[in-house]
Amino acid sequence: MIINTDNQKIHDLLTRGVENVYPNREFLEKRLKSGERLTLYLGIDPTGPDLHLGHAISMMKLCHFQELGHKVILLIGSFTAMIGDPTDKSATRQPLTRKQVLENAKKYKDQAAKILDFKGQNKVEVKYNSKWFDKMNFKEVVELASNFTVQQMLERDMFDKRIKDGKPIGLHEFLYPLMQGYDSVAMDVDGEVGGNDQTFNMLAGRDLMKSMDKKEKFVVTNKLLVDSIGTKMGKTEGNMITLSDEPNDMFGKVMSWTDGMIVAGFELCTTVPIEKVKEVETQIESDVNPRDLKVKLAKEIVKFYFDEETANAAEENFVNTFKNKQQPDEIEVKIITNRNIVDALVESGLVGSKSDARRQIEQNAVKVNDIPVDRVSLEVSDGDVIQKGKRHFARIAFEK
């Protein structure tokens, strides 16, 4: 395998979207320029059925290594997902069964193939960490745990906060960084990439590699897609983009991002040259309408995962639907059984619960046939179009 040691490509790999490099940038830069073929990985716990843009940011960095000729591994946390990563969690995760985990991971490879190359001479290798953890006995777990102290675990912000809030911390949650760290040892890698929220876990792997293999593992932490006050996109905000999203949904979700996410979106989620990203940053500070820049960003993201023609069509759909205040040409028909607007919202899938439906109505976020709904007792009729927010529509049909 020929290793690309182009200075500019290595510079871009080490700087674009990168938060930190451990032990330091110079260490990794030297290895990348040596012509040595490195082995590195990205670990993903299948806690849900879809990969999302947060995963994609790290996969794009993994792709940069692959394009330079290095060996990359996509590690599915088929064991660690059952424990549950406590990172950023204010309470203990609900445990998942092996069956749930494997079901969640079913489409990961197909979705990841939108970014990574699973074919050809330097194809990505997929591994599952249950392969080694299923064989580990209790003696080995104790030996592994002896490499860390309770004080080290308590340094984690969320554990400290939970203690102050009087919330419990499961002993198994202390073990999670050990498990993730051991992945590096089990695969004998040179490095790991991941979001900066995974820094503690990835550095645990560095410690284990030093202790158990006398090897210096590098870690590349990527920036997270957040707004100016640190808020991440997410399910709660309704703007989480998954790699299974349709183009129109993907476009619309980008348009719902805050203005503070525009520059980061171009840097982390597109392949536009970094000089163009800097131009966007300058334009944000000038009189350019952020909405116009967001349209460009949405098109770039849709183009990356689909193609330019699809991106143009998604823009046209968005303009017709929202800017011109027209309903989409095609609205999915939802079969429901109850006429009450609260039940209809839930059955149509526009909201996740009755309490959410009532809250949306109270916030004037629901319309029926373009007329705002002002009461929870409203009844809908066959053929009515229900709208939630600016982007979500459903045409109602009653079960015969």
Protein backbone atom coordinates (compact mmCIF):
# COMPACT_ATOMS: atom_id res chain seq x y z
CA MET A 1 0.00 0.00 0.00
CA ILE A 2 1.41 3.37 -1.05
CA ILE A 3 1.17 5.96 1.73
CA ASN A 4 0.51 9.55 0.67
CA THR A 5 2.80 11.93 2.58
CA ASP A 6 1.68 15.15 0.86
CA ASN A 7 2.36 18.04 3.25
CA GLN A 8 -0.85 19.93 2.47
CA LYS A 9 -3.07 16.88 2.89
CA ILE A 10 -1.43 16.05 6.21
CA HIS A 11 -1.83 19.68 7.33
CA ASP A 12 -5.55 19.59 6.45
CA LEU A 13 -5.99 16.27 8.27
CA LEU A 14 -4.39 17.65 11.43
CA THR A 15 -6.21 20.99 11.45
CA ARG A 16 -9.62 20.93 9.82
CA GLY A 17 -12.27 20.26 12.42
CA VAL A 18 -9.65 19.07 14.91
CA GLU A 19 -9.93 20.03 18.58
CA ASN A 20 -6.80 18.31 19.91
CA VAL A 21 -4.12 15.79 19.01
CA TYR A 22 -2.53 13.60 21.71
CA PRO A 23 0.24 13.34 22.71
CA ASN A 24 0.75 16.33 20.39
CA ARG A 25 0.38 17.36 16.77
CA GLU A 26 4.12 17.11 16.06
CA PHE A 27 4.17 13.45 17.13
CA LEU A 28 1.42 12.46 14.70
CA GLU A 29 2.69 14.72 11.92
CA LYS A 30 6.09 13.02 12.06
CA ARG A 31 4.51 9.57 11.83
CA LEU A 32 2.27 10.60 8.94
CA LYS A 33 5.25 11.95 7.01
CA SER A 34 7.38 8.86 7.69
CA GLY A 35 5.52 6.76 5.12
CA GLU A 36 4.60 4.22 7.80
CA ARG A 37 1.14 2.69 7.42
CA LEU A 38 -0.81 3.44 10.57
CA THR A 39 -3.82 1.56 11.94
CA LEU A 40 -6.57 3.56 13.60
CA TYR A 41 -10.23 3.29 14.41
CA LEU A 42 -13.48 4.98 15.28
CA GLY A 43 -15.78 3.27 17.77
CA ILE A 44 -19.55 3.67 17.62
CA ASP A 45 -22.00 2.22 20.13
CA PRO A 46 -25.24 1.17 18.38
CA THR A 47 -27.66 2.75 20.85
CA GLY A 48 -30.05 3.70 18.02
CA PRO A 49 -30.85 2.44 14.50
CA ASP A 50 -29.25 5.32 12.58
CA LEU A 51 -25.88 6.97 12.33
CA HIS A 52 -26.15 10.75 12.56
CA LEU A 53 -24.16 13.81 11.58
CA GLY A 54 -22.18 13.68 14.83
CA HIS A 55 -20.89 10.24 13.81
CA ALA A 56 -20.33 11.53 10.28
CA ILE A 57 -17.92 14.24 11.43
CA SER A 58 -15.59 11.62 12.92
CA MET A 59 -16.09 9.30 9.94
CA MET A 60 -15.01 12.11 7.60
CA LYS A 61 -11.77 12.42 9.60
CA LEU A 62 -11.36 8.64 9.41
CA CYS A 63 -11.87 8.94 5.65
CA HIS A 64 -8.97 11.43 5.44
CA PHE A 65 -6.67 8.81 6.94
CA GLN A 66 -8.04 6.17 4.56
CA GLU A 67 -7.41 8.40 1.54
CA LEU A 68 -3.76 8.73 2.61
CA GLY A 69 -3.46 4.93 2.55
CA HIS A 70 -3.71 4.11 6.25
CA LYS A 71 -5.63 1.13 7.62
CA VAL A 72 -8.90 2.18 9.25
CA ILE A 73 -11.36 0.20 11.35
CA LEU A 74 -14.98 0.96 12.09
CA LEU A 75 -15.59 -0.63 15.48
CA ILE A 76 -19.16 -1.45 16.44
CA GLY A 77 -19.58 -1.41 20.21
CA SER A 78 -21.71 -4.54 20.34
CA PHE A 79 -20.59 -5.12 23.95
CA THR A 80 -20.02 -1.58 25.24
CA ALA A 81 -23.44 -0.45 24.00
CA MET A 82 -25.00 -2.86 26.49
CA ILE A 83 -23.14 -1.08 29.32
CA GLY A 84 -23.91 2.43 28.08
CA ASP A 85 -21.50 5.34 27.74
CA PRO A 86 -22.08 7.75 30.66
CA THR A 87 -20.57 10.67 28.72
CA ASP A 88 -22.73 13.81 29.04
CA LYS A 89 -25.47 11.83 30.78
CA SER A 90 -27.10 13.22 33.92
CA ALA A 91 -28.56 9.82 34.76
CA THR A 92 -27.71 6.16 34.20
CA ARG A 93 -28.58 4.87 30.73
CA GLN A 94 -31.19 2.16 30.36
CA PRO A 95 -29.34 -1.08 29.53
CA LEU A 96 -29.75 -2.64 26.09
CA THR A 97 -29.85 -6.34 25.25
CA ARG A 98 -27.50 -7.93 22.72
CA LYS A 99 -30.49 -8.41 20.41
CA GLN A 100 -31.37 -4.70 20.56
CA VAL A 101 -27.77 -3.68 19.95
CA LEU A 102 -27.34 -5.91 16.88
CA GLU A 103 -30.70 -4.80 15.52
CA ASN A 104 -29.65 -1.17 15.89
CA ALA A 105 -26.39 -1.81 14.03
CA LYS A 106 -27.97 -3.56 11.04
CA LYS A 107 -27.79 -0.58 8.68
CA TYR A 108 -24.63 1.06 10.02
CA LYS A 109 -22.32 -0.23 7.30
CA ASP A 110 -24.65 0.87 4.49
CA GLN A 111 -25.02 4.29 6.08
CA ALA A 112 -21.29 4.64 6.76
CA ALA A 113 -20.60 3.74 3.11
CA LYS A 114 -21.83 7.22 2.20
CA ILE A 115 -18.52 8.44 3.65
CA LEU A 116 -16.11 5.51 3.99
CA ASP A 117 -14.90 3.07 1.34
CA PHE A 118 -15.70 -0.55 2.18
CA LYS A 119 -14.43 -1.86 -1.17
CA GLY A 120 -11.17 -1.76 -3.08
CA GLN A 121 -7.57 -2.22 -2.06
CA ASN A 122 -7.72 -0.18 1.16
CA LYS A 123 -11.23 -0.99 2.35
CA VAL A 124 -12.48 -0.20 5.84
CA GLU A 125 -12.59 -3.17 8.18
CA VAL A 126 -15.64 -3.60 10.43
CA LYS A 127 -15.13 -5.17 13.85
CA TYR A 128 -17.36 -5.86 16.87
CA ASN A 129 -15.95 -5.54 20.39
CA SER A 130 -18.11 -8.35 21.75
CA LYS A 131 -15.59 -10.63 20.02
CA TRP A 132 -13.07 -10.05 22.81
CA PHE A 133 -15.26 -8.93 25.69
CA ASP A 134 -17.47 -12.03 25.53
CA LYS A 135 -14.35 -14.08 26.26
CA MET A 136 -13.07 -11.95 29.14
CA ASN A 137 -13.33 -13.51 32.60
CA PHE A 138 -13.70 -11.75 35.94
CA LYS A 139 -10.02 -12.11 36.79
CA GLU A 140 -9.13 -10.25 33.61
CA VAL A 141 -11.67 -7.53 34.38
CA VAL A 142 -10.11 -6.99 37.81
CA GLU A 143 -6.63 -6.86 36.27
CA LEU A 144 -7.86 -4.33 33.75
CA ALA A 145 -9.47 -2.19 36.48
CA SER A 146 -6.17 -2.13 38.41
CA ASN A 147 -4.80 0.27 35.78
CA PHE A 148 -7.10 3.07 36.99
CA THR A 149 -8.11 4.74 40.23
CA VAL A 150 -11.47 5.87 41.55
CA GLN A 151 -10.06 9.40 41.69
CA GLN A 152 -9.41 9.29 37.95
CA MET A 153 -13.01 8.32 37.28
CA LEU A 154 -14.37 11.01 39.57
CA GLU A 155 -12.51 13.64 37.55
CA ARG A 156 -15.20 13.33 34.90
CA ASP A 157 -17.48 16.36 35.00
CA MET A 158 -20.76 14.46 34.77
CA PHE A 159 -19.83 12.16 37.65
CA ASP A 160 -18.91 15.15 39.80
CA LYS A 161 -22.19 16.83 38.91
CA ARG A 162 -24.23 13.73 39.70
CA ILE A 163 -22.61 13.47 43.13
CA LYS A 164 -23.42 17.11 43.84
CA ASP A 165 -27.00 16.56 42.64
CA GLY A 166 -27.35 13.45 44.79
CA LYS A 167 -27.84 11.20 41.75
CA PRO A 168 -26.50 7.64 41.70
CA ILE A 169 -23.51 6.47 39.65
CA GLY A 170 -23.53 2.84 38.64
CA LEU A 171 -20.32 0.90 39.20
CA HIS A 172 -20.67 -0.40 35.64
CA GLU A 173 -20.43 3.21 34.43
CA PHE A 174 -16.96 3.43 35.96
CA LEU A 175 -16.05 0.37 33.92
CA TYR A 176 -17.12 1.88 30.60
CA PRO A 177 -13.89 3.88 29.95
CA LEU A 178 -11.90 0.73 30.76
CA MET A 179 -13.87 -1.24 28.19
CA GLN A 180 -13.52 1.41 25.50
CA GLY A 181 -9.85 1.78 26.36
CA TYR A 182 -9.28 -1.96 26.06
CA ASP A 183 -10.58 -1.89 22.48
CA SER A 184 -7.30 -0.20 21.52
CA VAL A 185 -5.29 -2.96 23.18
CA ALA A 186 -7.38 -5.77 21.68
CA MET A 187 -6.94 -4.41 18.15
CA ASP A 188 -3.32 -3.27 18.70
CA VAL A 189 -3.95 0.05 16.92
CA ASP A 190 -1.75 3.08 16.49
CA GLY A 191 -4.51 5.60 17.08
CA GLU A 192 -8.15 6.56 17.45
CA VAL A 193 -10.43 9.36 16.27
CA GLY A 194 -13.63 10.61 17.87
CA GLY A 195 -15.59 13.62 19.05
CA ASN A 196 -14.07 15.78 21.78
CA ASP A 197 -16.80 14.57 24.14
CA GLN A 198 -15.05 11.18 23.99
CA THR A 199 -11.66 12.53 25.07
CA PHE A 200 -11.71 10.88 28.51
CA ASN A 201 -12.58 7.47 27.06
CA MET A 202 -10.03 7.67 24.26
CA LEU A 203 -7.27 8.78 26.62
CA ALA A 204 -8.11 5.79 28.82
CA GLY A 205 -7.07 3.73 25.81
CA ARG A 206 -3.81 5.67 25.61
CA ASP A 207 -3.11 4.87 29.25
CA LEU A 208 -3.83 1.17 28.72
CA MET A 209 -1.67 0.98 25.60
CA LYS A 210 1.23 2.50 27.54
CA SER A 211 0.70 0.22 30.52
CA MET A 212 -0.03 -3.05 28.77
CA ASP A 213 1.76 -2.75 25.41
CA LYS A 214 4.39 -0.04 26.06
CA LYS A 215 2.99 1.70 22.98
CA GLU A 216 2.28 5.40 22.36
CA LYS A 217 -1.22 5.65 20.92
CA PHE A 218 -2.28 8.88 19.21
CA VAL A 219 -5.74 10.37 19.67
CA VAL A 220 -7.41 12.88 17.36
CA THR A 221 -10.43 14.61 18.89
CA ASN A 222 -12.82 16.39 16.55
CA LYS A 223 -14.84 19.50 17.23
CA LEU A 224 -18.56 19.04 17.87
CA LEU A 225 -21.25 20.76 15.84
CA VAL A 226 -22.59 23.27 18.35
CA ASP A 227 -23.95 26.79 18.27
CA SER A 228 -22.33 29.86 19.81
CA ILE A 229 -23.50 28.92 23.32
CA GLY A 230 -22.49 25.26 23.07
CA THR A 231 -25.86 23.69 22.25
CA LYS A 232 -25.57 20.56 20.12
CA MET A 233 -28.09 19.51 17.51
CA GLY A 234 -30.25 16.77 18.92
CA LYS A 235 -33.48 14.83 19.02
CA THR A 236 -35.01 17.22 21.53
CA GLU A 237 -34.40 20.20 19.24
CA GLY A 238 -35.79 18.25 16.26
CA ASN A 239 -32.76 19.08 14.09
CA MET A 240 -30.71 15.90 14.38
CA ILE A 241 -29.74 14.79 10.87
CA THR A 242 -29.38 11.04 10.40
CA LEU A 243 -27.69 9.41 7.44
CA SER A 244 -30.99 7.75 6.57
CA ASP A 245 -32.83 11.08 6.22
CA GLU A 246 -34.45 11.95 2.92
CA PRO A 247 -32.98 14.99 1.07
CA ASN A 248 -35.90 17.31 1.85
CA ASP A 249 -35.78 16.46 5.56
CA MET A 250 -32.01 16.90 5.61
CA PHE A 251 -32.28 20.31 3.92
CA GLY A 252 -35.07 21.47 6.22
CA LYS A 253 -33.23 20.41 9.37
CA VAL A 254 -30.14 22.39 8.37
CA MET A 255 -32.37 25.42 7.82
CA SER A 256 -33.62 25.04 11.40
CA TRP A 257 -30.08 25.25 12.83
CA THR A 258 -29.12 28.40 14.68
CA ASP A 259 -27.01 30.98 12.86
CA GLY A 260 -24.17 30.13 15.24
CA MET A 261 -23.85 26.69 13.62
CA ILE A 262 -23.29 27.91 10.05
CA VAL A 263 -19.50 28.28 10.07
CA ALA A 264 -18.99 25.05 12.03
CA GLY A 265 -21.40 23.30 9.67
CA PHE A 266 -19.31 24.25 6.63
CA GLU A 267 -16.07 23.20 8.34
CA LEU A 268 -17.24 19.92 9.86
CA CYS A 269 -19.99 18.67 7.56
CA THR A 270 -18.86 19.60 4.05
CA THR A 271 -15.81 19.23 1.85
CA VAL A 272 -15.72 22.83 0.63
CA PRO A 273 -12.15 24.23 0.73
CA ILE A 274 -11.18 25.74 4.08
CA GLU A 275 -10.63 29.09 2.31
CA LYS A 276 -14.35 29.12 1.46
CA VAL A 277 -15.17 28.35 5.08
CA LYS A 278 -13.17 31.40 6.14
CA GLU A 279 -15.07 33.48 3.59
CA VAL A 280 -18.33 32.35 5.18
CA GLU A 281 -16.99 33.37 8.59
CA THR A 282 -16.23 36.83 7.21
CA GLN A 283 -19.66 37.07 5.58
CA ILE A 284 -21.37 36.16 8.86
CA GLU A 285 -19.77 39.23 10.41
CA SER A 286 -20.85 41.47 7.52
CA ASP A 287 -24.30 42.37 6.17
CA VAL A 288 -24.91 39.04 4.43
CA ASN A 289 -28.22 37.46 5.46
CA PRO A 290 -27.37 34.33 7.51
CA ARG A 291 -30.38 32.62 5.96
CA ASP A 292 -28.73 32.78 2.51
CA LEU A 293 -25.57 31.20 3.90
CA LYS A 294 -27.66 28.52 5.57
CA VAL A 295 -29.25 27.69 2.22
CA LYS A 296 -25.76 27.22 0.75
CA LEU A 297 -24.81 25.02 3.69
CA ALA A 298 -27.95 22.89 3.36
CA LYS A 299 -27.26 22.41 -0.35
CA GLU A 300 -23.65 21.39 0.30
CA ILE A 301 -24.68 18.82 2.89
CA VAL A 302 -27.43 17.31 0.72
CA LYS A 303 -25.04 17.28 -2.26
CA PHE A 304 -22.43 15.42 -0.21
CA TYR A 305 -24.83 12.61 0.74
CA PHE A 306 -26.78 12.55 -2.54
CA ASP A 307 -25.85 14.69 -5.57
CA GLU A 308 -26.12 18.24 -6.89
CA GLU A 309 -29.39 17.66 -8.74
CA THR A 310 -31.02 16.32 -5.58
CA ALA A 311 -29.66 19.27 -3.59
CA ASN A 312 -31.18 21.73 -6.06
CA ALA A 313 -34.53 19.94 -5.88
CA ALA A 314 -34.43 20.02 -2.07
CA GLU A 315 -33.82 23.77 -2.15
CA GLU A 316 -36.73 24.27 -4.55
CA ASN A 317 -38.99 22.19 -2.33
CA PHE A 318 -37.98 24.21 0.72
CA VAL A 319 -38.61 27.53 -1.02
CA ASN A 320 -42.00 26.41 -2.34
CA THR A 321 -43.03 24.99 1.02
CA PHE A 322 -41.84 27.64 3.42
CA LYS A 323 -40.65 30.81 1.75
CA ASN A 324 -43.73 30.96 -0.50
CA LYS A 325 -45.90 29.45 2.22
CA GLN A 326 -47.10 26.62 0.01
CA GLN A 327 -47.76 23.10 1.14
CA PRO A 328 -45.48 20.43 -0.35
CA ASP A 329 -46.66 18.88 -3.60
CA GLU A 330 -46.73 15.47 -1.96
CA ILE A 331 -47.86 15.03 1.63
CA GLU A 332 -47.69 11.58 3.17
CA VAL A 333 -51.06 10.12 4.07
CA LYS A 334 -51.32 8.85 7.64
CA ILE A 335 -54.01 6.36 8.65
CA ILE A 336 -55.44 7.18 12.09
CA THR A 337 -58.33 6.02 14.26
CA ASN A 338 -59.15 9.05 16.46
CA ARG A 339 -60.52 12.43 15.41
CA ASN A 340 -59.21 14.43 18.34
CA ILE A 341 -56.31 16.66 17.28
CA VAL A 342 -54.11 15.48 20.17
CA ASP A 343 -54.59 11.81 19.22
CA ALA A 344 -54.22 12.64 15.52
CA LEU A 345 -50.86 14.32 16.12
CA VAL A 346 -49.59 11.26 17.98
CA GLU A 347 -51.00 8.65 15.57
CA SER A 348 -49.67 10.51 12.53
CA GLY A 349 -46.18 10.51 14.04
CA LEU A 350 -45.89 14.30 14.07
CA VAL A 351 -45.24 14.22 17.83
CA GLY A 352 -44.03 11.55 20.19
CA SER A 353 -46.61 11.85 22.98
CA LYS A 354 -49.90 13.44 23.97
CA SER A 355 -48.13 15.81 26.34
CA ASP A 356 -45.91 16.96 23.49
CA ALA A 357 -49.01 17.41 21.29
CA ARG A 358 -50.68 19.62 23.90
CA ARG A 359 -47.49 21.62 24.34
CA GLN A 360 -47.20 22.18 20.58
CA ILE A 361 -50.81 23.38 20.44
CA GLU A 362 -50.28 25.73 23.40
CA GLN A 363 -47.25 27.16 21.60
CA ASN A 364 -49.33 27.81 18.45
CA ALA A 365 -47.16 25.40 16.51
CA VAL A 366 -50.01 23.30 15.04
CA LYS A 367 -52.24 24.08 12.05
CA VAL A 368 -55.04 22.19 10.32
CA ASN A 369 -55.56 23.17 6.69
CA ASP A 370 -53.29 26.20 7.31
CA ILE A 371 -55.48 27.41 10.20
CA PRO A 372 -53.83 27.62 13.65
CA VAL A 373 -55.23 25.20 16.23
CA ASP A 374 -56.22 26.99 19.43
CA ARG A 375 -57.80 24.18 21.46
CA VAL A 376 -57.02 20.57 22.31
CA SER A 377 -60.64 19.53 21.78
CA LEU A 378 -60.56 20.17 18.02
CA GLU A 379 -61.64 17.26 15.83
CA VAL A 380 -60.09 16.60 12.43
CA SER A 381 -61.81 15.33 9.31
CA ASP A 382 -60.86 12.85 6.60
CA GLY A 383 -58.41 14.51 4.18
CA ASP A 384 -57.34 17.30 6.54
CA VAL A 385 -53.71 18.39 6.40
CA ILE A 386 -52.07 18.73 9.80
CA GLN A 387 -48.95 20.84 10.08
CA LYS A 388 -46.55 20.90 13.04
CA GLY A 389 -44.02 23.69 13.05
CA LYS A 390 -42.74 24.89 9.71
CA ARG A 391 -41.65 21.63 8.15
CA HIS A 392 -43.81 18.68 9.21
CA PHE A 393 -47.05 17.77 7.39
CA ALA A 394 -49.43 14.82 7.34
CA ARG A 395 -52.66 14.24 5.41
CA ILE A 396 -55.18 12.42 7.54
CA ALA A 397 -57.18 9.38 6.46
CA PHE A 398 -59.32 7.34 8.81
CA GLU A 399 -59.03 3.61 9.16
CA LYS A 400 -61.87 1.92 7.29
